[in-house]
Amino acid sequence: MPLPGVEGQRARVVTTFADVTAQRRAAEVLRRSEEKYRGLVEHLPLMVLQLDRARRVVFLNPAAESATGHAAAALTAPGFWQGLIHPDDLPAVEALLAQAEAGGAHAASSATGRATARRRSVTRWRSHRTQPTAA
């Protein structure tokens, strides 16, 4: 169906083309980088948790399940991970998180504290490193 133009004449159609090669290449480089680092984090023998500003777990690697003895579904339940931290050490962990949030992208901190693997009823000493990341 032709588009009506001035005085009933057919309207002209203008088509534009843009070279998106650079964007495509950048997207591919990003995809490869994400794939590389996701594979690295998923295979680390260290527990990795990513929390949002409300301190909810938004990412965890498989080592988190084996370190705690709890399934990912339990670990991502609101407030669950805090129950794994020894009560005497929880304020220090909360302070590390607050410090990281307040300090911006370059604020990293670390500490050592106790965490309980509840299914095994074992308390283990764990080193905590807190590093802010982009959302």
N, C-alpha and C. Protein backbone atom coordinates (compact mmCIF):
# COMPACT_ATOMS: atom_id res chain seq x y z
N MET A 1 0.85 -1.18 0.00
CA MET A 1 0.00 0.00 0.00
C MET A 1 0.90 1.23 0.00
N PRO A 2 0.80 2.06 -1.02
CA PRO A 2 1.65 3.24 -1.08
C PRO A 2 1.25 4.27 -0.04
N LEU A 3 2.25 4.99 0.44
CA LEU A 3 2.00 6.06 1.39
C LEU A 3 1.56 7.31 0.63
N PRO A 4 0.54 7.97 1.09
CA PRO A 4 0.09 9.17 0.37
C PRO A 4 1.09 10.31 0.56
N GLY A 5 1.38 11.00 -0.53
CA GLY A 5 2.26 12.16 -0.47
C GLY A 5 1.47 13.43 -0.66
N VAL A 6 2.14 14.46 -1.09
CA VAL A 6 1.49 15.74 -1.35
C VAL A 6 0.63 15.61 -2.60
N GLU A 7 -0.58 16.11 -2.55
CA GLU A 7 -1.52 16.12 -3.67
C GLU A 7 -1.74 14.73 -4.26
N GLY A 8 -1.79 13.71 -3.39
CA GLY A 8 -2.12 12.37 -3.82
C GLY A 8 -0.98 11.60 -4.47
N GLN A 9 0.16 12.20 -4.62
CA GLN A 9 1.30 11.49 -5.20
C GLN A 9 1.87 10.53 -4.18
N ARG A 10 2.55 9.53 -4.67
CA ARG A 10 3.20 8.59 -3.75
C ARG A 10 4.33 9.28 -3.01
N ALA A 11 4.46 8.95 -1.74
CA ALA A 11 5.55 9.54 -0.95
C ALA A 11 6.84 8.81 -1.27
N ARG A 12 7.93 9.50 -1.13
CA ARG A 12 9.22 8.87 -1.31
C ARG A 12 9.60 8.16 -0.02
N VAL A 13 10.41 7.14 -0.15
CA VAL A 13 10.90 6.40 1.00
C VAL A 13 12.40 6.61 1.09
N VAL A 14 12.85 6.93 2.27
CA VAL A 14 14.27 7.11 2.49
C VAL A 14 14.76 5.98 3.39
N THR A 15 15.81 5.32 2.98
CA THR A 15 16.39 4.23 3.76
C THR A 15 17.82 4.62 4.11
N THR A 16 18.18 4.41 5.36
CA THR A 16 19.55 4.73 5.78
C THR A 16 20.26 3.45 6.18
N PHE A 17 21.55 3.47 6.03
CA PHE A 17 22.39 2.35 6.42
C PHE A 17 23.50 2.89 7.29
N ALA A 18 23.84 2.15 8.31
CA ALA A 18 24.93 2.55 9.19
C ALA A 18 25.85 1.35 9.38
N ASP A 19 27.11 1.63 9.42
CA ASP A 19 28.09 0.57 9.65
C ASP A 19 28.11 0.26 11.16
N VAL A 20 27.66 -0.93 11.53
CA VAL A 20 27.61 -1.33 12.93
C VAL A 20 28.66 -2.40 13.23
N THR A 21 29.65 -2.49 12.36
CA THR A 21 30.70 -3.49 12.55
C THR A 21 31.40 -3.31 13.89
N ALA A 22 31.75 -2.09 14.25
CA ALA A 22 32.46 -1.84 15.51
C ALA A 22 31.62 -2.26 16.71
N GLN A 23 30.32 -1.96 16.68
CA GLN A 23 29.45 -2.36 17.78
C GLN A 23 29.35 -3.87 17.87
N ARG A 24 29.25 -4.53 16.73
CA ARG A 24 29.18 -6.00 16.72
C ARG A 24 30.45 -6.61 17.28
N ARG A 25 31.59 -6.06 16.87
CA ARG A 25 32.87 -6.57 17.38
C ARG A 25 32.98 -6.35 18.89
N ALA A 26 32.59 -5.18 19.35
CA ALA A 26 32.64 -4.88 20.78
C ALA A 26 31.72 -5.82 21.56
N ALA A 27 30.54 -6.09 21.02
CA ALA A 27 29.61 -7.01 21.69
C ALA A 27 30.21 -8.41 21.77
N GLU A 28 30.90 -8.83 20.74
CA GLU A 28 31.52 -10.16 20.74
C GLU A 28 32.67 -10.23 21.74
N VAL A 29 33.47 -9.18 21.82
CA VAL A 29 34.56 -9.13 22.81
C VAL A 29 33.98 -9.18 24.22
N LEU A 30 32.91 -8.43 24.46
CA LEU A 30 32.26 -8.45 25.76
C LEU A 30 31.70 -9.82 26.08
N ARG A 31 31.05 -10.46 25.12
CA ARG A 31 30.49 -11.79 25.34
C ARG A 31 31.58 -12.78 25.71
N ARG A 32 32.70 -12.74 25.00
CA ARG A 32 33.81 -13.65 25.31
C ARG A 32 34.39 -13.39 26.69
N SER A 33 34.51 -12.13 27.03
CA SER A 33 35.05 -11.77 28.35
C SER A 33 34.13 -12.25 29.46
N GLU A 34 32.83 -12.01 29.30
CA GLU A 34 31.87 -12.47 30.30
C GLU A 34 31.90 -13.99 30.43
N GLU A 35 31.99 -14.68 29.30
CA GLU A 35 32.04 -16.14 29.30
C GLU A 35 33.30 -16.64 30.03
N LYS A 36 34.40 -15.99 29.78
CA LYS A 36 35.67 -16.37 30.41
C LYS A 36 35.60 -16.20 31.93
N TYR A 37 35.15 -15.04 32.38
CA TYR A 37 35.12 -14.78 33.81
C TYR A 37 34.01 -15.53 34.53
N ARG A 38 32.91 -15.78 33.86
CA ARG A 38 31.86 -16.60 34.47
C ARG A 38 32.39 -18.01 34.69
N GLY A 39 33.09 -18.55 33.70
CA GLY A 39 33.68 -19.88 33.85
C GLY A 39 34.69 -19.91 34.99
N LEU A 40 35.48 -18.86 35.11
CA LEU A 40 36.47 -18.78 36.19
C LEU A 40 35.78 -18.78 37.55
N VAL A 41 34.80 -17.90 37.73
CA VAL A 41 34.11 -17.78 39.02
C VAL A 41 33.35 -19.05 39.35
N GLU A 42 32.73 -19.66 38.36
CA GLU A 42 31.94 -20.87 38.63
C GLU A 42 32.81 -22.06 39.00
N HIS A 43 34.09 -22.04 38.62
CA HIS A 43 34.96 -23.16 38.93
C HIS A 43 35.96 -22.87 40.06
N LEU A 44 35.90 -21.68 40.62
CA LEU A 44 36.76 -21.37 41.76
C LEU A 44 36.41 -22.26 42.95
N PRO A 45 37.40 -22.72 43.69
CA PRO A 45 37.09 -23.49 44.90
C PRO A 45 36.70 -22.59 46.07
N LEU A 46 36.66 -21.28 45.85
CA LEU A 46 36.29 -20.30 46.87
C LEU A 46 34.84 -19.90 46.72
N MET A 47 34.18 -19.69 47.84
CA MET A 47 32.78 -19.26 47.82
C MET A 47 32.71 -17.80 47.36
N VAL A 48 31.88 -17.53 46.37
CA VAL A 48 31.68 -16.18 45.87
C VAL A 48 30.19 -15.85 45.96
N LEU A 49 29.88 -14.77 46.65
CA LEU A 49 28.51 -14.27 46.74
C LEU A 49 28.50 -12.84 46.23
N GLN A 50 27.47 -12.47 45.50
CA GLN A 50 27.27 -11.08 45.12
C GLN A 50 25.95 -10.66 45.74
N LEU A 51 26.00 -9.54 46.46
CA LEU A 51 24.81 -9.02 47.15
C LEU A 51 24.37 -7.72 46.49
N ASP A 52 23.07 -7.46 46.51
CA ASP A 52 22.59 -6.16 46.05
C ASP A 52 22.60 -5.21 47.24
N ARG A 53 22.15 -3.99 47.04
CA ARG A 53 22.19 -2.99 48.13
C ARG A 53 21.30 -3.37 49.31
N ALA A 54 20.30 -4.20 49.07
CA ALA A 54 19.44 -4.66 50.16
C ALA A 54 20.03 -5.89 50.84
N ARG A 55 21.26 -6.23 50.46
CA ARG A 55 22.01 -7.37 51.01
C ARG A 55 21.35 -8.72 50.70
N ARG A 56 20.67 -8.78 49.56
CA ARG A 56 20.14 -10.05 49.08
C ARG A 56 21.17 -10.68 48.15
N VAL A 57 21.29 -11.99 48.21
CA VAL A 57 22.22 -12.69 47.34
C VAL A 57 21.63 -12.71 45.92
N VAL A 58 22.37 -12.13 44.98
CA VAL A 58 21.91 -12.09 43.59
C VAL A 58 22.75 -13.01 42.71
N PHE A 59 23.88 -13.47 43.22
CA PHE A 59 24.71 -14.44 42.51
C PHE A 59 25.51 -15.23 43.53
N LEU A 60 25.66 -16.51 43.27
CA LEU A 60 26.57 -17.33 44.06
C LEU A 60 27.14 -18.40 43.16
N ASN A 61 28.35 -18.81 43.44
CA ASN A 61 28.95 -19.86 42.63
C ASN A 61 28.72 -21.22 43.30
N PRO A 62 28.97 -22.31 42.60
CA PRO A 62 28.74 -23.64 43.17
C PRO A 62 29.52 -23.91 44.46
N ALA A 63 30.67 -23.28 44.62
CA ALA A 63 31.46 -23.49 45.83
C ALA A 63 30.70 -23.00 47.07
N ALA A 64 29.79 -22.04 46.91
CA ALA A 64 29.00 -21.57 48.05
C ALA A 64 28.14 -22.69 48.62
N GLU A 65 27.58 -23.50 47.73
CA GLU A 65 26.76 -24.62 48.18
C GLU A 65 27.60 -25.66 48.90
N SER A 66 28.76 -25.99 48.34
CA SER A 66 29.58 -27.02 48.98
C SER A 66 30.20 -26.51 50.28
N ALA A 67 30.52 -25.22 50.37
CA ALA A 67 31.13 -24.67 51.58
C ALA A 67 30.13 -24.60 52.74
N THR A 68 28.86 -24.33 52.41
CA THR A 68 27.87 -24.16 53.47
C THR A 68 27.03 -25.41 53.71
N GLY A 69 26.95 -26.27 52.72
CA GLY A 69 26.09 -27.44 52.83
C GLY A 69 24.63 -27.12 52.57
N HIS A 70 24.36 -25.94 52.02
CA HIS A 70 22.99 -25.52 51.72
C HIS A 70 22.83 -25.31 50.22
N ALA A 71 21.64 -25.58 49.72
CA ALA A 71 21.34 -25.39 48.30
C ALA A 71 21.25 -23.91 47.97
N ALA A 72 21.44 -23.59 46.69
CA ALA A 72 21.38 -22.21 46.23
C ALA A 72 20.05 -21.56 46.60
N ALA A 73 18.96 -22.31 46.51
CA ALA A 73 17.64 -21.74 46.84
C ALA A 73 17.59 -21.25 48.29
N ALA A 74 18.21 -21.99 49.19
CA ALA A 74 18.24 -21.56 50.59
C ALA A 74 19.16 -20.36 50.76
N LEU A 75 20.32 -20.40 50.13
CA LEU A 75 21.30 -19.33 50.28
C LEU A 75 20.80 -18.00 49.72
N THR A 76 19.92 -18.05 48.74
CA THR A 76 19.39 -16.81 48.17
C THR A 76 18.12 -16.32 48.86
N ALA A 77 17.63 -17.06 49.83
CA ALA A 77 16.45 -16.61 50.59
C ALA A 77 16.85 -15.38 51.41
N PRO A 78 15.97 -14.37 51.49
CA PRO A 78 16.30 -13.16 52.22
C PRO A 78 16.74 -13.45 53.66
N GLY A 79 17.90 -12.91 54.02
CA GLY A 79 18.40 -13.02 55.39
C GLY A 79 19.06 -14.34 55.74
N PHE A 80 19.01 -15.31 54.85
CA PHE A 80 19.53 -16.64 55.19
C PHE A 80 21.03 -16.64 55.43
N TRP A 81 21.79 -15.98 54.55
CA TRP A 81 23.25 -16.03 54.68
C TRP A 81 23.73 -15.42 55.98
N GLN A 82 23.01 -14.42 56.50
CA GLN A 82 23.41 -13.81 57.77
C GLN A 82 23.36 -14.83 58.90
N GLY A 83 22.45 -15.79 58.82
CA GLY A 83 22.34 -16.82 59.84
C GLY A 83 23.50 -17.79 59.84
N LEU A 84 24.29 -17.78 58.76
CA LEU A 84 25.45 -18.66 58.69
C LEU A 84 26.68 -18.04 59.36
N ILE A 85 26.65 -16.74 59.56
CA ILE A 85 27.77 -16.04 60.19
C ILE A 85 27.63 -16.18 61.71
N HIS A 86 28.74 -16.45 62.37
CA HIS A 86 28.71 -16.55 63.82
C HIS A 86 28.16 -15.24 64.40
N PRO A 87 27.24 -15.31 65.36
CA PRO A 87 26.62 -14.08 65.89
C PRO A 87 27.62 -13.04 66.39
N ASP A 88 28.74 -13.49 66.93
CA ASP A 88 29.74 -12.53 67.41
C ASP A 88 30.45 -11.82 66.26
N ASP A 89 30.46 -12.44 65.08
CA ASP A 89 31.17 -11.88 63.93
C ASP A 89 30.28 -11.13 62.95
N LEU A 90 28.97 -11.30 63.07
CA LEU A 90 28.05 -10.66 62.13
C LEU A 90 28.19 -9.14 62.10
N PRO A 91 28.32 -8.45 63.23
CA PRO A 91 28.48 -6.99 63.16
C PRO A 91 29.71 -6.57 62.34
N ALA A 92 30.80 -7.33 62.45
CA ALA A 92 32.00 -7.00 61.68
C ALA A 92 31.76 -7.20 60.19
N VAL A 93 31.05 -8.25 59.82
CA VAL A 93 30.73 -8.49 58.41
C VAL A 93 29.82 -7.39 57.88
N GLU A 94 28.82 -7.03 58.66
CA GLU A 94 27.91 -5.94 58.27
C GLU A 94 28.69 -4.63 58.11
N ALA A 95 29.65 -4.39 58.99
CA ALA A 95 30.48 -3.18 58.89
C ALA A 95 31.33 -3.19 57.62
N LEU A 96 31.87 -4.35 57.26
CA LEU A 96 32.64 -4.46 56.02
C LEU A 96 31.77 -4.13 54.81
N LEU A 97 30.55 -4.65 54.81
CA LEU A 97 29.65 -4.37 53.70
C LEU A 97 29.30 -2.89 53.63
N ALA A 98 29.03 -2.28 54.76
CA ALA A 98 28.72 -0.85 54.79
C ALA A 98 29.91 -0.03 54.32
N GLN A 99 31.10 -0.42 54.73
CA GLN A 99 32.32 0.27 54.32
C GLN A 99 32.51 0.17 52.81
N ALA A 100 32.29 -1.01 52.26
CA ALA A 100 32.42 -1.20 50.81
C ALA A 100 31.39 -0.36 50.06
N GLU A 101 30.16 -0.34 50.56
CA GLU A 101 29.11 0.43 49.89
C GLU A 101 29.41 1.92 49.93
N ALA A 102 29.92 2.41 51.04
CA ALA A 102 30.19 3.83 51.21
C ALA A 102 31.43 4.28 50.45
N GLY A 103 32.36 3.36 50.27
CA GLY A 103 33.64 3.74 49.69
C GLY A 103 33.72 3.75 48.20
N GLY A 104 32.71 3.32 47.52
CA GLY A 104 32.74 3.32 46.07
C GLY A 104 33.47 2.14 45.49
N ALA A 105 33.77 2.23 44.20
CA ALA A 105 34.30 1.10 43.45
C ALA A 105 35.68 0.64 43.89
N HIS A 106 36.44 1.48 44.58
CA HIS A 106 37.80 1.10 44.95
C HIS A 106 37.94 0.73 46.43
N ALA A 107 36.85 0.65 47.13
CA ALA A 107 36.89 0.31 48.56
C ALA A 107 36.80 -1.19 48.73
N ALA A 108 37.89 -1.79 49.09
CA ALA A 108 37.91 -3.23 49.36
C ALA A 108 38.35 -3.41 50.80
N SER A 109 37.83 -4.42 51.45
CA SER A 109 38.22 -4.68 52.83
C SER A 109 38.16 -6.18 53.06
N SER A 110 38.84 -6.61 54.09
CA SER A 110 38.82 -8.04 54.40
C SER A 110 38.90 -8.25 55.89
N ALA A 111 38.48 -9.43 56.32
CA ALA A 111 38.50 -9.79 57.72
C ALA A 111 38.40 -11.31 57.82
N THR A 112 38.59 -11.81 59.01
CA THR A 112 38.43 -13.23 59.26
C THR A 112 37.34 -13.40 60.30
N GLY A 113 36.47 -14.36 60.09
CA GLY A 113 35.38 -14.60 61.03
C GLY A 113 34.91 -16.03 60.93
N ARG A 114 33.96 -16.36 61.76
CA ARG A 114 33.44 -17.72 61.81
C ARG A 114 32.11 -17.81 61.07
N ALA A 115 31.95 -18.92 60.37
CA ALA A 115 30.69 -19.20 59.69
C ALA A 115 30.35 -20.66 59.95
N THR A 116 29.08 -20.94 60.02
CA THR A 116 28.62 -22.28 60.33
C THR A 116 28.06 -22.96 59.10
N ALA A 117 28.51 -24.17 58.87
CA ALA A 117 27.91 -25.03 57.85
C ALA A 117 26.86 -25.83 58.62
N ARG A 118 25.65 -25.34 58.63
CA ARG A 118 24.61 -25.87 59.53
C ARG A 118 24.30 -27.34 59.34
N ARG A 119 24.25 -27.81 58.11
CA ARG A 119 23.92 -29.22 57.92
C ARG A 119 24.96 -30.11 58.57
N ARG A 120 26.16 -29.63 58.61
CA ARG A 120 27.23 -30.43 59.20
C ARG A 120 27.47 -30.06 60.65
N SER A 121 26.78 -29.04 61.12
CA SER A 121 26.94 -28.53 62.49
C SER A 121 28.40 -28.26 62.82
N VAL A 122 29.10 -27.69 61.86
CA VAL A 122 30.52 -27.40 62.04
C VAL A 122 30.72 -25.90 61.88
N THR A 123 31.48 -25.32 62.79
CA THR A 123 31.85 -23.93 62.65
C THR A 123 33.25 -23.87 62.09
N ARG A 124 33.42 -23.11 61.03
CA ARG A 124 34.73 -22.97 60.38
C ARG A 124 35.13 -21.50 60.36
N TRP A 125 36.42 -21.27 60.43
CA TRP A 125 36.94 -19.92 60.28
C TRP A 125 37.03 -19.62 58.80
N ARG A 126 36.55 -18.46 58.41
CA ARG A 126 36.57 -18.07 57.01
C ARG A 126 37.14 -16.66 56.89
N SER A 127 37.87 -16.45 55.82
CA SER A 127 38.37 -15.12 55.49
C SER A 127 37.32 -14.47 54.61
N HIS A 128 36.98 -13.22 54.89
CA HIS A 128 35.98 -12.48 54.11
C HIS A 128 36.69 -11.35 53.36
N ARG A 129 36.45 -11.23 52.11
CA ARG A 129 36.95 -10.08 51.34
C ARG A 129 35.74 -9.44 50.69
N THR A 130 35.60 -8.17 50.91
CA THR A 130 34.45 -7.43 50.40
C THR A 130 34.94 -6.45 49.36
N GLN A 131 34.36 -6.53 48.17
CA GLN A 131 34.75 -5.66 47.06
C GLN A 131 33.48 -5.16 46.38
N PRO A 132 33.29 -3.85 46.32
CA PRO A 132 32.11 -3.34 45.60
C PRO A 132 32.24 -3.60 44.11
N THR A 133 31.11 -3.82 43.45
CA THR A 133 31.08 -4.03 42.01
C THR A 133 29.99 -3.16 41.43
N ALA A 134 30.01 -3.02 40.15
CA ALA A 134 28.93 -2.29 39.47
C ALA A 134 27.66 -3.12 39.55
N ALA A 135 26.54 -2.45 39.55
CA ALA A 135 25.25 -3.14 39.68
C ALA A 135 24.93 -4.07 38.58
